[in-house]
Amino acid sequence: MKRILLIIGISLALLLLGSVLAVHTWIGHVVKEKITIAQQQYPGTAEDALLAFLLDENNSAEDRTHTAIWALGQIRSEKALPVLHEFNKNDPKGKTCFGRHDSVLCQYEIHKAIVSIEKKWLFSHPRLNK
């Protein structure tokens, strides 16, 4: 009985590890897509292109949030921190932007990006910051 429980436990641990790795890989792929979108419009490194995308108000607030802010957090852009803090309205739950993402930057995403950069979140993708 102990042997069966051990096999089940190891199997579940491997399944969990495989799932975490799969999600991490998928997120990395999406980050690369966001970087490509930004670099098609703005020259430079991933970080520079994403920052330019974020600062360009000709891009929709929703695109700026879900392309630039999210990706800047994922690549742990130190250069983006002052800009993100400038946009931060101390609303980590995003109550002020709920239902208004077409017109304002998402405060929840800004908060997550800042935390990812400052806390060096383990599952982010700093290797893509080049």
N, C-alpha and C. Protein backbone atom coordinates (compact mmCIF):
# COMPACT_ATOMS: atom_id res chain seq x y z
N MET A 1 0.83 -1.20 0.00
CA MET A 1 0.00 0.00 0.00
C MET A 1 0.87 1.26 0.00
N LYS A 2 1.96 1.21 0.79
CA LYS A 2 2.86 2.37 0.83
C LYS A 2 3.47 2.63 -0.54
N ARG A 3 3.79 1.55 -1.22
CA ARG A 3 4.42 1.68 -2.54
C ARG A 3 3.45 2.34 -3.52
N ILE A 4 2.20 1.98 -3.49
CA ILE A 4 1.19 2.57 -4.38
C ILE A 4 1.02 4.05 -4.07
N LEU A 5 0.96 4.39 -2.78
CA LEU A 5 0.84 5.80 -2.39
C LEU A 5 2.07 6.60 -2.82
N LEU A 6 3.23 5.99 -2.72
CA LEU A 6 4.47 6.66 -3.15
C LEU A 6 4.44 6.91 -4.66
N ILE A 7 4.03 5.91 -5.42
CA ILE A 7 3.94 6.05 -6.88
C ILE A 7 2.93 7.13 -7.25
N ILE A 8 1.79 7.13 -6.59
CA ILE A 8 0.77 8.16 -6.85
C ILE A 8 1.31 9.55 -6.50
N GLY A 9 1.98 9.66 -5.37
CA GLY A 9 2.54 10.95 -4.95
C GLY A 9 3.58 11.46 -5.94
N ILE A 10 4.48 10.59 -6.36
CA ILE A 10 5.51 10.98 -7.33
C ILE A 10 4.86 11.36 -8.66
N SER A 11 3.86 10.59 -9.07
CA SER A 11 3.16 10.88 -10.33
C SER A 11 2.48 12.25 -10.28
N LEU A 12 1.82 12.53 -9.16
CA LEU A 12 1.16 13.84 -9.02
C LEU A 12 2.17 14.98 -8.99
N ALA A 13 3.30 14.77 -8.33
CA ALA A 13 4.35 15.80 -8.29
C ALA A 13 4.91 16.06 -9.68
N LEU A 14 5.14 14.99 -10.44
CA LEU A 14 5.64 15.14 -11.81
C LEU A 14 4.61 15.82 -12.71
N LEU A 15 3.35 15.48 -12.52
CA LEU A 15 2.28 16.11 -13.29
C LEU A 15 2.21 17.61 -12.97
N LEU A 16 2.31 17.95 -11.70
CA LEU A 16 2.29 19.35 -11.29
C LEU A 16 3.49 20.10 -11.87
N LEU A 17 4.66 19.53 -11.77
CA LEU A 17 5.87 20.14 -12.32
C LEU A 17 5.76 20.33 -13.83
N GLY A 18 5.28 19.32 -14.51
CA GLY A 18 5.08 19.41 -15.96
C GLY A 18 4.10 20.51 -16.33
N SER A 19 3.04 20.64 -15.55
CA SER A 19 2.04 21.68 -15.81
C SER A 19 2.63 23.07 -15.61
N VAL A 20 3.39 23.25 -14.54
CA VAL A 20 4.03 24.54 -14.27
C VAL A 20 4.99 24.90 -15.40
N LEU A 21 5.79 23.94 -15.83
CA LEU A 21 6.73 24.18 -16.93
C LEU A 21 6.01 24.50 -18.23
N ALA A 22 4.91 23.83 -18.50
CA ALA A 22 4.14 24.08 -19.72
C ALA A 22 3.56 25.50 -19.71
N VAL A 23 2.99 25.90 -18.59
CA VAL A 23 2.43 27.26 -18.48
C VAL A 23 3.54 28.30 -18.60
N HIS A 24 4.66 28.06 -17.96
CA HIS A 24 5.80 28.98 -18.03
C HIS A 24 6.28 29.14 -19.48
N THR A 25 6.37 28.05 -20.19
CA THR A 25 6.79 28.07 -21.59
C THR A 25 5.78 28.83 -22.45
N TRP A 26 4.50 28.57 -22.24
CA TRP A 26 3.45 29.24 -22.99
C TRP A 26 3.48 30.75 -22.73
N ILE A 27 3.63 31.15 -21.48
CA ILE A 27 3.70 32.58 -21.16
C ILE A 27 4.92 33.21 -21.84
N GLY A 28 6.04 32.52 -21.85
CA GLY A 28 7.23 33.02 -22.54
C GLY A 28 6.96 33.26 -24.01
N HIS A 29 6.22 32.35 -24.63
CA HIS A 29 5.86 32.50 -26.04
C HIS A 29 4.99 33.75 -26.24
N VAL A 30 4.03 33.96 -25.37
CA VAL A 30 3.15 35.13 -25.48
C VAL A 30 3.95 36.42 -25.26
N VAL A 31 4.89 36.41 -24.32
CA VAL A 31 5.74 37.58 -24.10
C VAL A 31 6.52 37.90 -25.38
N LYS A 32 7.06 36.89 -26.03
CA LYS A 32 7.78 37.11 -27.29
C LYS A 32 6.87 37.73 -28.34
N GLU A 33 5.61 37.29 -28.40
CA GLU A 33 4.64 37.86 -29.34
C GLU A 33 4.42 39.34 -29.04
N LYS A 34 4.28 39.69 -27.77
CA LYS A 34 4.06 41.09 -27.39
C LYS A 34 5.28 41.94 -27.74
N ILE A 35 6.46 41.40 -27.54
CA ILE A 35 7.69 42.11 -27.90
C ILE A 35 7.73 42.34 -29.40
N THR A 36 7.37 41.35 -30.17
CA THR A 36 7.36 41.47 -31.63
C THR A 36 6.38 42.56 -32.08
N ILE A 37 5.21 42.59 -31.46
CA ILE A 37 4.22 43.63 -31.78
C ILE A 37 4.82 45.02 -31.53
N ALA A 38 5.46 45.19 -30.39
CA ALA A 38 6.05 46.49 -30.05
C ALA A 38 7.20 46.82 -30.99
N GLN A 39 8.05 45.85 -31.30
CA GLN A 39 9.21 46.12 -32.15
C GLN A 39 8.83 46.36 -33.61
N GLN A 40 7.66 45.95 -34.02
CA GLN A 40 7.20 46.27 -35.37
C GLN A 40 6.90 47.76 -35.52
N GLN A 41 6.58 48.41 -34.40
CA GLN A 41 6.26 49.84 -34.42
C GLN A 41 7.40 50.72 -33.93
N TYR A 42 8.23 50.19 -33.04
CA TYR A 42 9.26 51.00 -32.39
C TYR A 42 10.60 50.27 -32.43
N PRO A 43 11.66 50.99 -32.73
CA PRO A 43 12.98 50.34 -32.83
C PRO A 43 13.57 50.09 -31.44
N GLY A 44 14.60 49.28 -31.43
CA GLY A 44 15.37 49.06 -30.20
C GLY A 44 15.16 47.70 -29.59
N THR A 45 15.66 47.61 -28.38
CA THR A 45 15.55 46.37 -27.63
C THR A 45 14.10 46.11 -27.25
N ALA A 46 13.84 44.93 -26.74
CA ALA A 46 12.50 44.61 -26.29
C ALA A 46 12.01 45.63 -25.28
N GLU A 47 12.85 45.94 -24.33
CA GLU A 47 12.50 46.90 -23.28
C GLU A 47 12.19 48.28 -23.86
N ASP A 48 13.04 48.76 -24.77
CA ASP A 48 12.83 50.08 -25.37
C ASP A 48 11.55 50.12 -26.20
N ALA A 49 11.31 49.08 -26.99
CA ALA A 49 10.12 49.04 -27.83
C ALA A 49 8.85 48.98 -26.98
N LEU A 50 8.87 48.17 -25.94
CA LEU A 50 7.70 48.07 -25.06
C LEU A 50 7.44 49.37 -24.32
N LEU A 51 8.49 50.04 -23.88
CA LEU A 51 8.32 51.34 -23.22
C LEU A 51 7.74 52.37 -24.19
N ALA A 52 8.25 52.40 -25.41
CA ALA A 52 7.73 53.33 -26.41
C ALA A 52 6.27 53.03 -26.70
N PHE A 53 5.92 51.75 -26.79
CA PHE A 53 4.53 51.34 -27.01
C PHE A 53 3.65 51.84 -25.88
N LEU A 54 4.12 51.68 -24.66
CA LEU A 54 3.36 52.12 -23.48
C LEU A 54 3.15 53.64 -23.49
N LEU A 55 4.17 54.37 -23.81
CA LEU A 55 4.10 55.83 -23.73
C LEU A 55 3.37 56.48 -24.90
N ASP A 56 3.17 55.75 -25.98
CA ASP A 56 2.49 56.29 -27.15
C ASP A 56 0.97 56.24 -26.93
N GLU A 57 0.38 57.38 -26.70
CA GLU A 57 -1.06 57.44 -26.42
C GLU A 57 -1.91 57.20 -27.66
N ASN A 58 -1.28 57.06 -28.83
CA ASN A 58 -2.02 56.66 -30.03
C ASN A 58 -2.44 55.20 -29.96
N ASN A 59 -1.74 54.42 -29.15
CA ASN A 59 -2.15 53.03 -28.89
C ASN A 59 -3.28 53.05 -27.87
N SER A 60 -4.21 52.15 -28.01
CA SER A 60 -5.34 52.12 -27.07
C SER A 60 -4.85 51.78 -25.66
N ALA A 61 -5.63 52.21 -24.69
CA ALA A 61 -5.29 51.91 -23.30
C ALA A 61 -5.24 50.41 -23.08
N GLU A 62 -6.15 49.70 -23.70
CA GLU A 62 -6.18 48.24 -23.54
C GLU A 62 -4.93 47.60 -24.14
N ASP A 63 -4.52 48.06 -25.32
CA ASP A 63 -3.29 47.53 -25.94
C ASP A 63 -2.06 47.90 -25.12
N ARG A 64 -2.04 49.11 -24.61
CA ARG A 64 -0.89 49.55 -23.79
C ARG A 64 -0.79 48.69 -22.53
N THR A 65 -1.94 48.35 -21.97
CA THR A 65 -1.97 47.52 -20.77
C THR A 65 -1.53 46.09 -21.08
N HIS A 66 -2.20 45.48 -22.05
CA HIS A 66 -2.02 44.04 -22.27
C HIS A 66 -0.83 43.70 -23.16
N THR A 67 -0.28 44.68 -23.82
CA THR A 67 0.93 44.42 -24.59
C THR A 67 2.13 44.90 -23.80
N ALA A 68 2.16 46.18 -23.49
CA ALA A 68 3.36 46.77 -22.91
C ALA A 68 3.50 46.53 -21.40
N ILE A 69 2.51 46.91 -20.63
CA ILE A 69 2.64 46.82 -19.17
C ILE A 69 2.88 45.38 -18.73
N TRP A 70 2.05 44.49 -19.24
CA TRP A 70 2.18 43.08 -18.86
C TRP A 70 3.55 42.54 -19.23
N ALA A 71 3.99 42.80 -20.48
CA ALA A 71 5.27 42.27 -20.95
C ALA A 71 6.44 42.91 -20.20
N LEU A 72 6.35 44.19 -19.89
CA LEU A 72 7.43 44.84 -19.13
C LEU A 72 7.59 44.20 -17.76
N GLY A 73 6.48 43.84 -17.15
CA GLY A 73 6.55 43.12 -15.88
C GLY A 73 7.15 41.74 -16.05
N GLN A 74 6.77 41.06 -17.11
CA GLN A 74 7.28 39.71 -17.36
C GLN A 74 8.78 39.69 -17.63
N ILE A 75 9.31 40.74 -18.30
CA ILE A 75 10.75 40.76 -18.57
C ILE A 75 11.52 41.48 -17.46
N ARG A 76 10.80 41.88 -16.42
CA ARG A 76 11.40 42.56 -15.26
C ARG A 76 12.20 43.80 -15.67
N SER A 77 11.56 44.70 -16.39
CA SER A 77 12.22 45.90 -16.89
C SER A 77 12.44 46.93 -15.78
N GLU A 78 13.68 47.05 -15.35
CA GLU A 78 14.03 48.07 -14.34
C GLU A 78 13.81 49.47 -14.91
N LYS A 79 14.05 49.61 -16.21
CA LYS A 79 13.88 50.91 -16.87
C LYS A 79 12.41 51.36 -16.83
N ALA A 80 11.50 50.43 -16.80
CA ALA A 80 10.08 50.74 -16.81
C ALA A 80 9.54 51.13 -15.44
N LEU A 81 10.26 50.80 -14.37
CA LEU A 81 9.73 51.05 -13.02
C LEU A 81 9.30 52.49 -12.79
N PRO A 82 10.11 53.51 -13.11
CA PRO A 82 9.66 54.88 -12.86
C PRO A 82 8.38 55.22 -13.65
N VAL A 83 8.28 54.73 -14.86
CA VAL A 83 7.10 55.00 -15.68
C VAL A 83 5.89 54.31 -15.07
N LEU A 84 6.05 53.06 -14.66
CA LEU A 84 4.94 52.33 -14.06
C LEU A 84 4.50 52.98 -12.76
N HIS A 85 5.46 53.44 -11.96
CA HIS A 85 5.10 54.13 -10.71
C HIS A 85 4.36 55.43 -11.01
N GLU A 86 4.73 56.09 -12.10
CA GLU A 86 4.05 57.32 -12.49
C GLU A 86 2.58 57.04 -12.84
N PHE A 87 2.33 55.92 -13.52
CA PHE A 87 0.96 55.55 -13.90
C PHE A 87 0.17 54.93 -12.75
N ASN A 88 0.85 54.49 -11.71
CA ASN A 88 0.22 53.80 -10.59
C ASN A 88 -0.60 54.77 -9.75
N LYS A 89 -1.85 54.43 -9.53
CA LYS A 89 -2.73 55.25 -8.70
C LYS A 89 -3.06 54.56 -7.38
N ASN A 90 -2.17 53.67 -6.95
CA ASN A 90 -2.33 52.93 -5.69
C ASN A 90 -3.69 52.23 -5.61
N ASP A 91 -4.00 51.50 -6.65
CA ASP A 91 -5.24 50.73 -6.73
C ASP A 91 -4.90 49.30 -7.16
N PRO A 92 -4.26 48.53 -6.26
CA PRO A 92 -3.78 47.20 -6.65
C PRO A 92 -4.87 46.23 -7.08
N LYS A 93 -6.10 46.47 -6.69
CA LYS A 93 -7.19 45.57 -7.09
C LYS A 93 -7.86 46.02 -8.39
N GLY A 94 -7.51 47.19 -8.89
CA GLY A 94 -8.05 47.68 -10.15
C GLY A 94 -9.50 48.11 -10.10
N LYS A 95 -9.95 48.58 -8.94
CA LYS A 95 -11.35 48.99 -8.81
C LYS A 95 -11.66 50.23 -9.66
N THR A 96 -10.68 51.13 -9.81
CA THR A 96 -10.93 52.37 -10.55
C THR A 96 -11.00 52.16 -12.06
N CYS A 97 -10.48 51.06 -12.53
CA CYS A 97 -10.46 50.82 -13.98
C CYS A 97 -11.39 49.69 -14.40
N PHE A 98 -12.06 49.07 -13.46
CA PHE A 98 -12.93 47.93 -13.78
C PHE A 98 -13.98 48.35 -14.81
N GLY A 99 -14.02 47.62 -15.92
CA GLY A 99 -14.98 47.91 -16.97
C GLY A 99 -14.63 49.11 -17.84
N ARG A 100 -13.45 49.68 -17.62
CA ARG A 100 -13.04 50.87 -18.38
C ARG A 100 -11.70 50.66 -19.07
N HIS A 101 -11.33 49.43 -19.35
CA HIS A 101 -10.00 49.16 -19.92
C HIS A 101 -9.81 49.70 -21.32
N ASP A 102 -10.90 50.07 -21.96
CA ASP A 102 -10.77 50.68 -23.28
C ASP A 102 -10.34 52.14 -23.19
N SER A 103 -10.43 52.72 -21.99
CA SER A 103 -10.11 54.15 -21.86
C SER A 103 -9.05 54.47 -20.81
N VAL A 104 -8.75 53.56 -19.91
CA VAL A 104 -7.72 53.81 -18.89
C VAL A 104 -6.81 52.59 -18.75
N LEU A 105 -5.59 52.84 -18.30
CA LEU A 105 -4.64 51.76 -18.07
C LEU A 105 -5.09 50.96 -16.84
N CYS A 106 -4.95 49.66 -16.90
CA CYS A 106 -5.40 48.79 -15.83
C CYS A 106 -4.47 48.89 -14.63
N GLN A 107 -5.01 49.34 -13.52
CA GLN A 107 -4.22 49.51 -12.31
C GLN A 107 -3.78 48.17 -11.72
N TYR A 108 -4.58 47.15 -11.88
CA TYR A 108 -4.22 45.82 -11.40
C TYR A 108 -2.99 45.30 -12.15
N GLU A 109 -2.98 45.48 -13.48
CA GLU A 109 -1.83 45.04 -14.28
C GLU A 109 -0.58 45.86 -13.95
N ILE A 110 -0.76 47.15 -13.72
CA ILE A 110 0.37 47.99 -13.32
C ILE A 110 0.95 47.49 -12.01
N HIS A 111 0.07 47.21 -11.05
CA HIS A 111 0.50 46.69 -9.75
C HIS A 111 1.27 45.37 -9.91
N LYS A 112 0.72 44.45 -10.72
CA LYS A 112 1.39 43.17 -10.92
C LYS A 112 2.76 43.34 -11.58
N ALA A 113 2.84 44.24 -12.54
CA ALA A 113 4.11 44.47 -13.23
C ALA A 113 5.15 45.02 -12.26
N ILE A 114 4.75 45.98 -11.43
CA ILE A 114 5.68 46.55 -10.45
C ILE A 114 6.16 45.48 -9.48
N VAL A 115 5.25 44.67 -8.99
CA VAL A 115 5.61 43.60 -8.06
C VAL A 115 6.56 42.62 -8.73
N SER A 116 6.28 42.24 -9.96
CA SER A 116 7.14 41.30 -10.69
C SER A 116 8.56 41.84 -10.83
N ILE A 117 8.67 43.13 -11.10
CA ILE A 117 9.99 43.74 -11.28
C ILE A 117 10.71 43.91 -9.94
N GLU A 118 10.02 44.46 -8.97
CA GLU A 118 10.67 44.76 -7.69
C GLU A 118 10.97 43.52 -6.87
N LYS A 119 10.09 42.55 -6.92
CA LYS A 119 10.27 41.34 -6.10
C LYS A 119 11.02 40.24 -6.84
N LYS A 120 11.39 40.50 -8.10
CA LYS A 120 12.10 39.51 -8.91
C LYS A 120 11.32 38.19 -8.94
N TRP A 121 10.07 38.28 -9.32
CA TRP A 121 9.18 37.14 -9.32
C TRP A 121 9.79 35.96 -10.05
N LEU A 122 9.80 34.83 -9.44
CA LEU A 122 10.46 33.62 -9.92
C LEU A 122 10.02 33.18 -11.31
N PHE A 123 8.75 33.29 -11.62
CA PHE A 123 8.24 32.75 -12.88
C PHE A 123 8.18 33.77 -14.00
N SER A 124 8.82 34.92 -13.85
CA SER A 124 8.85 35.90 -14.94
C SER A 124 9.91 35.49 -15.97
N HIS A 125 10.10 36.32 -16.98
CA HIS A 125 10.98 35.96 -18.10
C HIS A 125 12.03 37.04 -18.36
N PRO A 126 12.94 37.29 -17.41
CA PRO A 126 13.94 38.35 -17.61
C PRO A 126 14.91 38.06 -18.75
N ARG A 127 15.04 36.81 -19.15
CA ARG A 127 15.97 36.47 -20.24
C ARG A 127 15.51 37.06 -21.57
N LEU A 128 14.23 37.45 -21.67
CA LEU A 128 13.72 38.03 -22.90
C LEU A 128 13.97 39.54 -22.97
N ASN A 129 14.54 40.09 -21.92
CA ASN A 129 14.84 41.53 -21.86
C ASN A 129 16.18 41.77 -22.53
N LYS A 130 16.17 41.78 -23.86
CA LYS A 130 17.41 42.01 -24.60
C LYS A 130 17.15 42.88 -25.79
